C-alpha atoms as a PDB file:
ATOM      1  CA  UNK A   1      14.339  31.392 -12.427  1.00  0.00           C
ATOM      2  CA  UNK A   2      12.290  30.203  -9.468  1.00  0.00           C
ATOM      3  CA  UNK A   3      14.082  30.083  -6.148  1.00  0.00           C
ATOM      4  CA  UNK A   4      16.144  26.975  -5.389  1.00  0.00           C
ATOM      5  CA  UNK A   5      14.818  24.399  -2.928  1.00  0.00           C
ATOM      6  CA  UNK A   6      17.648  22.577  -1.169  1.00  0.00           C
ATOM      7  CA  UNK A   7      16.650  19.153   0.135  1.00  0.00           C
ATOM      8  CA  UNK A   8      19.080  17.371   2.457  1.00  0.00           C
ATOM      9  CA  UNK A   9      19.035  13.590   2.977  1.00  0.00           C
ATOM     10  CA  UNK A  10      20.930  13.271   6.223  1.00  0.00           C
ATOM     11  CA  UNK A  11      21.619   9.543   6.589  1.00  0.00           C
ATOM     12  CA  UNK A  12      19.653   7.234   4.280  1.00  0.00           C
ATOM     13  CA  UNK A  13      19.794   3.513   4.941  1.00  0.00           C
ATOM     14  CA  UNK A  14      23.183   2.538   3.519  1.00  0.00           C
ATOM     15  CA  UNK A  15      26.131   4.769   4.619  1.00  0.00           C
ATOM     16  CA  UNK A  16      27.853   3.563   7.782  1.00  0.00           C
ATOM     17  CA  UNK A  17      30.409   5.092  10.119  1.00  0.00           C
ATOM     18  CA  UNK A  18      33.055   2.797   8.676  1.00  0.00           C
ATOM     19  CA  UNK A  19      32.734   4.957   5.547  1.00  0.00           C
ATOM     20  CA  UNK A  20      32.354   8.260   7.375  1.00  0.00           C
ATOM     21  CA  UNK A  21      32.368   8.543  11.197  1.00  0.00           C
ATOM     22  CA  UNK A  22      29.996  11.519  11.021  1.00  0.00           C
ATOM     23  CA  UNK A  23      26.974   9.562   9.733  1.00  0.00           C
ATOM     24  CA  UNK A  24      24.169  10.028  12.304  1.00  0.00           C
ATOM     25  CA  UNK A  25      22.483   6.974  13.810  1.00  0.00           C
ATOM     26  CA  UNK A  26      20.231   7.941  16.725  1.00  0.00           C
ATOM     27  CA  UNK A  27      17.057  10.047  16.366  1.00  0.00           C
ATOM     28  CA  UNK A  28      18.773  12.859  18.288  1.00  0.00           C
ATOM     29  CA  UNK A  29      21.796  12.785  15.963  1.00  0.00           C
ATOM     30  CA  UNK A  30      19.612  12.653  12.848  1.00  0.00           C
ATOM     31  CA  UNK A  31      17.553  15.610  14.050  1.00  0.00           C
ATOM     32  CA  UNK A  32      20.668  17.611  14.902  1.00  0.00           C
ATOM     33  CA  UNK A  33      22.090  17.006  11.419  1.00  0.00           C
ATOM     34  CA  UNK A  34      18.782  18.218   9.980  1.00  0.00           C
ATOM     35  CA  UNK A  35      18.906  21.365  12.116  1.00  0.00           C
ATOM     36  CA  UNK A  36      22.522  22.116  11.144  1.00  0.00           C
ATOM     37  CA  UNK A  37      21.490  21.806   7.501  1.00  0.00           C
ATOM     38  CA  UNK A  38      18.489  24.098   8.065  1.00  0.00           C
ATOM     39  CA  UNK A  39      20.750  26.751   9.550  1.00  0.00           C
ATOM     40  CA  UNK A  40      22.972  26.411   6.474  1.00  0.00           C
ATOM     41  CA  UNK A  41      20.069  26.944   4.052  1.00  0.00           C
ATOM     42  CA  UNK A  42      18.177  23.679   3.515  1.00  0.00           C
ATOM     43  CA  UNK A  43      14.380  23.945   3.295  1.00  0.00           C
ATOM     44  CA  UNK A  44      13.486  20.227   3.176  1.00  0.00           C
ATOM     45  CA  UNK A  45      14.951  17.287   5.077  1.00  0.00           C
ATOM     46  CA  UNK A  46      14.568  13.666   3.949  1.00  0.00           C
ATOM     47  CA  UNK A  47      14.492  11.258   6.888  1.00  0.00           C
ATOM     48  CA  UNK A  48      15.391   7.589   7.294  1.00  0.00           C
ATOM     49  CA  UNK A  49      15.927   6.148  10.772  1.00  0.00           C
ATOM     50  CA  UNK A  50      18.549   3.763  12.111  1.00  0.00           C
ATOM     51  CA  UNK A  51      19.233   1.502  15.047  1.00  0.00           C
ATOM     52  CA  UNK A  52      20.805   4.048  17.442  1.00  0.00           C
ATOM     53  CA  UNK A  53      23.681   1.741  18.380  1.00  0.00           C
ATOM     54  CA  UNK A  54      24.371  -0.429  15.334  1.00  0.00           C
ATOM     55  CA  UNK A  55      23.349   2.038  12.642  1.00  0.00           C
ATOM     56  CA  UNK A  56      21.434  -0.618  10.736  1.00  0.00           C
ATOM     57  CA  UNK A  57      18.231   0.460   8.938  1.00  0.00           C
ATOM     58  CA  UNK A  58      15.089   0.581  11.063  1.00  0.00           C
ATOM     59  CA  UNK A  59      11.478   1.490  10.415  1.00  0.00           C
ATOM     60  CA  UNK A  60      10.187   2.108  13.936  1.00  0.00           C
ATOM     61  CA  UNK A  61       7.399   4.587  14.537  1.00  0.00           C
ATOM     62  CA  UNK A  62       8.953   5.854  17.753  1.00  0.00           C
ATOM     63  CA  UNK A  63      12.222   6.715  15.995  1.00  0.00           C
ATOM     64  CA  UNK A  64      10.457   8.638  13.228  1.00  0.00           C
ATOM     65  CA  UNK A  65       8.261  10.425  15.785  1.00  0.00           C
ATOM     66  CA  UNK A  66      11.234  11.512  17.890  1.00  0.00           C
ATOM     67  CA  UNK A  67      13.034  12.936  14.857  1.00  0.00           C
ATOM     68  CA  UNK A  68       9.916  14.844  13.783  1.00  0.00           C
ATOM     69  CA  UNK A  69       9.359  16.260  17.284  1.00  0.00           C
ATOM     70  CA  UNK A  70      12.966  17.371  17.682  1.00  0.00           C
ATOM     71  CA  UNK A  71      13.083  19.100  14.292  1.00  0.00           C
ATOM     72  CA  UNK A  72       9.736  20.854  14.734  1.00  0.00           C
ATOM     73  CA  UNK A  73      10.673  22.074  18.201  1.00  0.00           C
ATOM     74  CA  UNK A  74      13.455  24.233  16.756  1.00  0.00           C
ATOM     75  CA  UNK A  75      12.772  24.925  13.075  1.00  0.00           C
ATOM     76  CA  UNK A  76      10.285  25.391  10.249  1.00  0.00           C
ATOM     77  CA  UNK A  77      11.960  22.729   8.096  1.00  0.00           C
ATOM     78  CA  UNK A  78       9.693  20.794   5.761  1.00  0.00           C
ATOM     79  CA  UNK A  79       9.940  17.167   6.848  1.00  0.00           C
ATOM     80  CA  UNK A  80       9.978  14.406   4.220  1.00  0.00           C
ATOM     81  CA  UNK A  81       9.728  10.905   5.711  1.00  0.00           C
ATOM     82  CA  UNK A  82      10.798   7.902   3.674  1.00  0.00           C
ATOM     83  CA  UNK A  83       8.412   5.116   2.719  1.00  0.00           C
ATOM     84  CA  UNK A  84      11.306   3.022   1.383  1.00  0.00           C
ATOM     85  CA  UNK A  85      12.425   0.015   3.396  1.00  0.00           C
ATOM     86  CA  UNK A  86      14.263  -3.194   2.540  1.00  0.00           C
ATOM     87  CA  UNK A  87      14.236  -4.557   6.070  1.00  0.00           C
ATOM     88  CA  UNK A  88      10.495  -4.879   6.753  1.00  0.00           C
ATOM     89  CA  UNK A  89       9.403  -8.379   7.731  1.00  0.00           C
ATOM     90  CA  UNK A  90       5.604  -8.392   7.587  1.00  0.00           C
ATOM     91  CA  UNK A  91       2.714 -10.103   5.866  1.00  0.00           C
ATOM     92  CA  UNK A  92       1.937  -6.823   4.053  1.00  0.00           C
ATOM     93  CA  UNK A  93       5.191  -4.817   3.851  1.00  0.00           C
ATOM     94  CA  UNK A  94       3.578  -2.305   1.484  1.00  0.00           C
ATOM     95  CA  UNK A  95       1.101  -1.325   4.195  1.00  0.00           C
ATOM     96  CA  UNK A  96       3.843  -1.036   6.812  1.00  0.00           C
ATOM     97  CA  UNK A  97       5.811   1.233   4.477  1.00  0.00           C
ATOM     98  CA  UNK A  98       2.984   3.779   4.603  1.00  0.00           C
ATOM     99  CA  UNK A  99       3.154   4.193   8.400  1.00  0.00           C
ATOM    100  CA  UNK A 100       5.216   7.429   8.205  1.00  0.00           C
ATOM    101  CA  UNK A 101       2.333   9.169   6.412  1.00  0.00           C
ATOM    102  CA  UNK A 102       0.371   8.903   9.682  1.00  0.00           C
ATOM    103  CA  UNK A 103       2.954  10.936  11.613  1.00  0.00           C
ATOM    104  CA  UNK A 104       2.072  14.328  10.153  1.00  0.00           C
ATOM    105  CA  UNK A 105       5.049  14.964   7.850  1.00  0.00           C
ATOM    106  CA  UNK A 106       4.903  17.608   5.147  1.00  0.00           C
ATOM    107  CA  UNK A 107       6.029  15.123   2.509  1.00  0.00           C
ATOM    108  CA  UNK A 108       6.690  11.417   2.074  1.00  0.00           C
ATOM    109  CA  UNK A 109       8.810   9.794  -0.593  1.00  0.00           C
ATOM    110  CA  UNK A 110       6.860   7.751  -3.147  1.00  0.00           C
ATOM    111  CA  UNK A 111       9.090   5.363  -5.095  1.00  0.00           C
ATOM    112  CA  UNK A 112       7.778   4.647  -8.576  1.00  0.00           C
ATOM    113  CA  UNK A 113       8.871   1.524 -10.434  1.00  0.00           C
ATOM    114  CA  UNK A 114      10.968  -1.468  -9.410  1.00  0.00           C
ATOM    115  CA  UNK A 115      14.671  -1.878 -10.132  1.00  0.00           C
ATOM    116  CA  UNK A 116      17.765  -3.877  -9.214  1.00  0.00           C
ATOM    117  CA  UNK A 117      19.246  -1.996  -6.257  1.00  0.00           C
ATOM    118  CA  UNK A 118      22.103  -2.821  -3.837  1.00  0.00           C
ATOM    119  CA  UNK A 119      22.214  -6.468  -4.877  1.00  0.00           C
ATOM    120  CA  UNK A 120      18.474  -6.908  -4.446  1.00  0.00           C
ATOM    121  CA  UNK A 121      15.256  -6.031  -6.237  1.00  0.00           C
ATOM    122  CA  UNK A 122      13.615  -2.841  -4.976  1.00  0.00           C
ATOM    123  CA  UNK A 123       9.987  -3.809  -5.485  1.00  0.00           C
ATOM    124  CA  UNK A 124       7.462  -1.037  -6.099  1.00  0.00           C
ATOM    125  CA  UNK A 125       4.422  -2.544  -7.847  1.00  0.00           C
ATOM    126  CA  UNK A 126       2.137  -0.167  -9.766  1.00  0.00           C
ATOM    127  CA  UNK A 127      -0.767  -0.905  -7.429  1.00  0.00           C
ATOM    128  CA  UNK A 128       1.378   0.061  -4.431  1.00  0.00           C
ATOM    129  CA  UNK A 129       2.234   3.405  -6.041  1.00  0.00           C
ATOM    130  CA  UNK A 130      -1.472   4.136  -6.565  1.00  0.00           C
ATOM    131  CA  UNK A 131      -2.299   3.103  -2.998  1.00  0.00           C
ATOM    132  CA  UNK A 132       0.525   5.213  -1.582  1.00  0.00           C
ATOM    133  CA  UNK A 133      -0.569   8.296  -3.531  1.00  0.00           C
ATOM    134  CA  UNK A 134      -4.152   7.881  -2.327  1.00  0.00           C
ATOM    135  CA  UNK A 135      -3.067   7.354   1.302  1.00  0.00           C
ATOM    136  CA  UNK A 136      -0.829  10.420   1.233  1.00  0.00           C
ATOM    137  CA  UNK A 137      -3.611  12.565  -0.183  1.00  0.00           C
ATOM    138  CA  UNK A 138      -5.979  11.344   2.539  1.00  0.00           C
ATOM    139  CA  UNK A 139      -3.406  12.301   5.193  1.00  0.00           C
ATOM    140  CA  UNK A 140      -2.645  15.708   3.660  1.00  0.00           C
ATOM    141  CA  UNK A 141       0.928  14.667   2.807  1.00  0.00           C
ATOM    142  CA  UNK A 142       2.691  15.780  -0.387  1.00  0.00           C
ATOM    143  CA  UNK A 143       4.238  12.877  -2.340  1.00  0.00           C
ATOM    144  CA  UNK A 144       7.839  13.335  -3.403  1.00  0.00           C
ATOM    145  CA  UNK A 145       7.761  11.091  -6.467  1.00  0.00           C
ATOM    146  CA  UNK A 146      11.132   9.345  -6.702  1.00  0.00           C
ATOM    147  CA  UNK A 147      11.970   8.082 -10.193  1.00  0.00           C
ATOM    148  CA  UNK A 148      15.079   6.062 -11.001  1.00  0.00           C
ATOM    149  CA  UNK A 149      14.667   5.560 -14.746  1.00  0.00           C
ATOM    150  CA  UNK A 150      12.788   6.812 -17.809  1.00  0.00           C
ATOM    151  CA  UNK A 151      10.025   4.239 -17.497  1.00  0.00           C
ATOM    152  CA  UNK A 152       9.384   5.369 -13.935  1.00  0.00           C
ATOM    153  CA  UNK A 153       8.724   8.884 -15.206  1.00  0.00           C
ATOM    154  CA  UNK A 154       6.205   7.495 -17.697  1.00  0.00           C
ATOM    155  CA  UNK A 155       4.401   5.658 -14.911  1.00  0.00           C
ATOM    156  CA  UNK A 156       4.296   8.766 -12.714  1.00  0.00           C
ATOM    157  CA  UNK A 157       2.977  10.910 -15.568  1.00  0.00           C
ATOM    158  CA  UNK A 158       0.222   8.339 -16.055  1.00  0.00           C
ATOM    159  CA  UNK A 159      -0.593   8.555 -12.344  1.00  0.00           C
ATOM    160  CA  UNK A 160      -0.902  12.313 -12.645  1.00  0.00           C
ATOM    161  CA  UNK A 161      -3.183  11.933 -15.664  1.00  0.00           C
ATOM    162  CA  UNK A 162      -5.413   9.664 -13.574  1.00  0.00           C
ATOM    163  CA  UNK A 163      -5.676  12.320 -10.876  1.00  0.00           C
ATOM    164  CA  UNK A 164      -3.508  10.591  -8.265  1.00  0.00           C
ATOM    165  CA  UNK A 165      -0.981  13.425  -7.942  1.00  0.00           C
ATOM    166  CA  UNK A 166      -2.211  16.876  -7.009  1.00  0.00           C
ATOM    167  CA  UNK A 167      -0.759  19.957  -8.667  1.00  0.00           C
ATOM    168  CA  UNK A 168       2.007  20.749  -8.687  1.00  0.00           C
ATOM    169  CA  UNK A 169       3.461  17.219  -8.716  1.00  0.00           C
ATOM    170  CA  UNK A 170       6.925  17.038  -7.163  1.00  0.00           C
ATOM    171  CA  UNK A 171       9.517  14.788  -8.817  1.00  0.00           C
ATOM    172  CA  UNK A 172      12.890  13.679  -7.481  1.00  0.00           C
ATOM    173  CA  UNK A 173      15.118  12.438 -10.320  1.00  0.00           C
ATOM    174  CA  UNK A 174      17.374   9.831  -8.687  1.00  0.00           C
ATOM    175  CA  UNK A 175      20.481   9.463 -10.836  1.00  0.00           C
ATOM    176  CA  UNK A 176      23.554   7.292 -10.519  1.00  0.00           C
ATOM    177  CA  UNK A 177      21.982   4.488  -8.467  1.00  0.00           C
ATOM    178  CA  UNK A 178      23.125   1.036  -9.630  1.00  0.00           C
ATOM    179  CA  UNK A 179      21.228  -0.086 -11.713  1.00  0.00           C
ATOM    180  CA  UNK A 180      19.076   2.901 -12.471  1.00  0.00           C
ATOM    181  CA  UNK A 181      19.554   5.829 -14.815  1.00  0.00           C
ATOM    182  CA  UNK A 182      23.131   7.172 -14.968  1.00  0.00           C
ATOM    183  CA  UNK A 183      24.007  10.552 -13.474  1.00  0.00           C
ATOM    184  CA  UNK A 184      25.016  12.302 -16.678  1.00  0.00           C
ATOM    185  CA  UNK A 185      23.767  15.369 -18.497  1.00  0.00           C
ATOM    186  CA  UNK A 186      22.206  13.469 -21.400  1.00  0.00           C
ATOM    187  CA  UNK A 187      20.067  11.388 -19.044  1.00  0.00           C
ATOM    188  CA  UNK A 188      19.102  14.413 -16.959  1.00  0.00           C
ATOM    189  CA  UNK A 189      17.908  16.267 -20.063  1.00  0.00           C
ATOM    190  CA  UNK A 190      15.941  13.231 -21.275  1.00  0.00           C
ATOM    191  CA  UNK A 191      14.197  12.746 -17.940  1.00  0.00           C
ATOM    192  CA  UNK A 192      13.505  16.455 -17.496  1.00  0.00           C
ATOM    193  CA  UNK A 193      11.942  16.625 -20.959  1.00  0.00           C
ATOM    194  CA  UNK A 194       9.508  13.833 -20.017  1.00  0.00           C
ATOM    195  CA  UNK A 195       8.194  15.650 -16.954  1.00  0.00           C
ATOM    196  CA  UNK A 196       4.713  17.168 -17.055  1.00  0.00           C
ATOM    197  CA  UNK A 197       4.357  20.891 -17.551  1.00  0.00           C
ATOM    198  CA  UNK A 198       4.092  22.848 -14.338  1.00  0.00           C
ATOM    199  CA  UNK A 199       5.683  20.238 -12.093  1.00  0.00           C
ATOM    200  CA  UNK A 200       8.382  20.940  -9.505  1.00  0.00           C
ATOM    201  CA  UNK A 201      11.490  18.830  -9.987  1.00  0.00           C
ATOM    202  CA  UNK A 202      14.679  18.081  -8.136  1.00  0.00           C
ATOM    203  CA  UNK A 203      17.797  16.011  -8.796  1.00  0.00           C
ATOM    204  CA  UNK A 204      20.080  13.837  -6.707  1.00  0.00           C
ATOM    205  CA  UNK A 205      23.325  12.205  -7.780  1.00  0.00           C
ATOM    206  CA  UNK A 206      25.134   9.344  -6.080  1.00  0.00           C
ATOM    207  CA  UNK A 207      28.753   9.533  -4.994  1.00  0.00           C
ATOM    208  CA  UNK A 208      31.158  11.636  -7.016  1.00  0.00           C
ATOM    209  CA  UNK A 209      28.338  12.527  -9.434  1.00  0.00           C
ATOM    210  CA  UNK A 210      26.452  14.468  -6.754  1.00  0.00           C
ATOM    211  CA  UNK A 211      28.212  17.787  -7.320  1.00  0.00           C
ATOM    212  CA  UNK A 212      28.238  17.923 -11.161  1.00  0.00           C
ATOM    213  CA  UNK A 213      24.678  16.667 -11.664  1.00  0.00           C
ATOM    214  CA  UNK A 214      23.133  18.942  -9.044  1.00  0.00           C
ATOM    215  CA  UNK A 215      25.023  21.878 -10.570  1.00  0.00           C
ATOM    216  CA  UNK A 216      23.530  21.042 -13.970  1.00  0.00           C
ATOM    217  CA  UNK A 217      20.100  20.910 -12.332  1.00  0.00           C
ATOM    218  CA  UNK A 218      20.554  24.356 -10.825  1.00  0.00           C
ATOM    219  CA  UNK A 219      21.487  25.773 -14.227  1.00  0.00           C
ATOM    220  CA  UNK A 220      18.398  24.168 -15.765  1.00  0.00           C
ATOM    221  CA  UNK A 221      16.025  25.633 -13.200  1.00  0.00           C
ATOM    222  CA  UNK A 222      15.616  22.501 -11.098  1.00  0.00           C
ATOM    223  CA  UNK A 223      16.038  21.924  -7.382  1.00  0.00           C
ATOM    224  CA  UNK A 224      18.592  19.701  -5.657  1.00  0.00           C
ATOM    225  CA  UNK A 225      19.102  17.057  -3.002  1.00  0.00           C
ATOM    226  CA  UNK A 226      22.426  16.660  -1.224  1.00  0.00           C
ATOM    227  CA  UNK A 227      23.637  14.872   1.883  1.00  0.00           C
ATOM    228  CA  UNK A 228      25.082  11.701   3.355  1.00  0.00           C
ATOM    229  CA  UNK A 229      22.409   9.414   1.913  1.00  0.00           C
ATOM    230  CA  UNK A 230      23.843  10.008  -1.547  1.00  0.00           C
ATOM    231  CA  UNK A 231      27.480  10.898  -0.873  1.00  0.00           C
ATOM    232  CA  UNK A 232      29.689  10.895   2.243  1.00  0.00           C
ATOM    233  CA  UNK A 233      32.684  12.680   0.662  1.00  0.00           C
ATOM    234  CA  UNK A 234      32.970  16.442   0.293  1.00  0.00           C
ATOM    235  CA  UNK A 235      35.780  15.958  -2.226  1.00  0.00           C
ATOM    236  CA  UNK A 236      37.895  13.051  -3.423  1.00  0.00           C
ATOM    237  CA  UNK A 237      39.087  11.144  -0.344  1.00  0.00           C
ATOM    238  CA  UNK A 238      37.837  13.827   2.080  1.00  0.00           C
ATOM    239  CA  UNK A 239      34.877  12.743   4.246  1.00  0.00           C
ATOM    240  CA  UNK A 240      32.349  15.486   4.924  1.00  0.00           C
ATOM    241  CA  UNK A 241      32.178  16.628   8.542  1.00  0.00           C
ATOM    242  CA  UNK A 242      28.421  17.161   8.368  1.00  0.00           C
ATOM    243  CA  UNK A 243      25.491  17.337   5.983  1.00  0.00           C
ATOM    244  CA  UNK A 244      25.588  21.099   6.471  1.00  0.00           C
ATOM    245  CA  UNK A 245      28.844  21.252   4.508  1.00  0.00           C
ATOM    246  CA  UNK A 246      27.025  20.001   1.412  1.00  0.00           C
ATOM    247  CA  UNK A 247      24.273  22.565   1.947  1.00  0.00           C
ATOM    248  CA  UNK A 248      26.759  25.399   2.456  1.00  0.00           C
ATOM    249  CA  UNK A 249      28.516  24.511  -0.800  1.00  0.00           C
ATOM    250  CA  UNK A 250      25.185  24.389  -2.631  1.00  0.00           C
ATOM    251  CA  UNK A 251      24.263  27.845  -1.294  1.00  0.00           C
ATOM    252  CA  UNK A 252      27.618  29.226  -2.497  1.00  0.00           C
ATOM    253  CA  UNK A 253      27.158  27.698  -5.939  1.00  0.00           C
ATOM    254  CA  UNK A 254      23.610  29.004  -6.191  1.00  0.00           C
ATOM    255  CA  UNK A 255      24.853  32.501  -5.446  1.00  0.00           C
ATOM    256  CA  UNK A 256      27.488  32.225  -8.180  1.00  0.00           C
ATOM    257  CA  UNK A 257      24.851  30.920 -10.603  1.00  0.00           C
ATOM    258  CA  UNK A 258      22.455  33.723  -9.600  1.00  0.00           C
ATOM    259  CA  UNK A 259      19.831  31.394  -8.120  1.00  0.00           C
ATOM    260  CA  UNK A 260      18.235  32.646  -4.939  1.00  0.00           C
ATOM    261  CA  UNK A 261      17.753  29.982  -2.270  1.00  0.00           C
ATOM    262  CA  UNK A 262      14.192  29.368  -1.084  1.00  0.00           C
ATOM    263  CA  UNK A 263      13.328  29.715   2.575  1.00  0.00           C
ATOM    264  CA  UNK A 264      11.142  27.057   4.174  1.00  0.00           C
ATOM    265  CA  UNK A 265       8.076  29.287   3.742  1.00  0.00           C
ATOM    266  CA  UNK A 266       8.937  29.897   0.092  1.00  0.00           C
ATOM    267  CA  UNK A 267       9.509  26.169  -0.486  1.00  0.00           C
ATOM    268  CA  UNK A 268       6.030  25.494   0.912  1.00  0.00           C
ATOM    269  CA  UNK A 269       4.544  27.949  -1.554  1.00  0.00           C
ATOM    270  CA  UNK A 270       6.457  26.496  -4.511  1.00  0.00           C
ATOM    271  CA  UNK A 271       5.442  22.929  -3.588  1.00  0.00           C
ATOM    272  CA  UNK A 272       1.843  23.837  -2.805  1.00  0.00           C
ATOM    273  CA  UNK A 273       2.062  22.672   0.825  1.00  0.00           C
ATOM    274  CA  UNK A 274      -0.125  24.654   3.260  1.00  0.00           C
ATOM    275  CA  UNK A 275       1.486  26.246   6.291  1.00  0.00           C
ATOM    276  CA  UNK A 276       1.223  24.242   9.514  1.00  0.00           C
ATOM    277  CA  UNK A 277      -1.257  25.436  12.140  1.00  0.00           C
END
């Protein structure tokens, strides 16, 4: 099997310190969590930013830039900046969402398809997906195509057929999000079987489903995402002390399952992302 890429999502937009006091808020804390995870074996870090004091979701360029600078000063981590945001108040929120692609990340998330999500509608019109893919290509940024249901995979495959996603396309199968596809083995197999030949794929699972569904993915030859964005508990009732704990457990499991873990340089090669100058 190909080496395992471990992607860590260190804070997301939803978990708060009331749930786990170790959730990072400030750019410095977010970067430090990324670096701890890198030392533990992660090759990719997925970044959201927060209000440094309140912890509420933010989408400020200066926060993203500080996180990127801090991570790059100390590591060769591949940086994946989010283009998801519920809190944007603008005449053209879709355009604002693409700002992170201008900051020189290695990857940006590209959410395909709309769905009911956290009591609201997560709106991702088809035309926005096309525009985002084109913008990322123009900026030399690899899209991490996030799909939350079977129909989203169909849309992404169509985008690839129309030449919007360069080879190899990179898919993140997002399972267990209310009200998206469930995080069970049957759904994982169905979604994996719909993916285009030659793509790179990864799986995340929300909450208690994180560990079993990412283990299934490892056995099937896929890659994994772990971290506070998806789950703040290391085991039932036990809050994780850091994102690195999830990465360390994933490295141990990979060793038991005879999957070698990809370095950052190896992850770049697998994903088709050129080395930075």
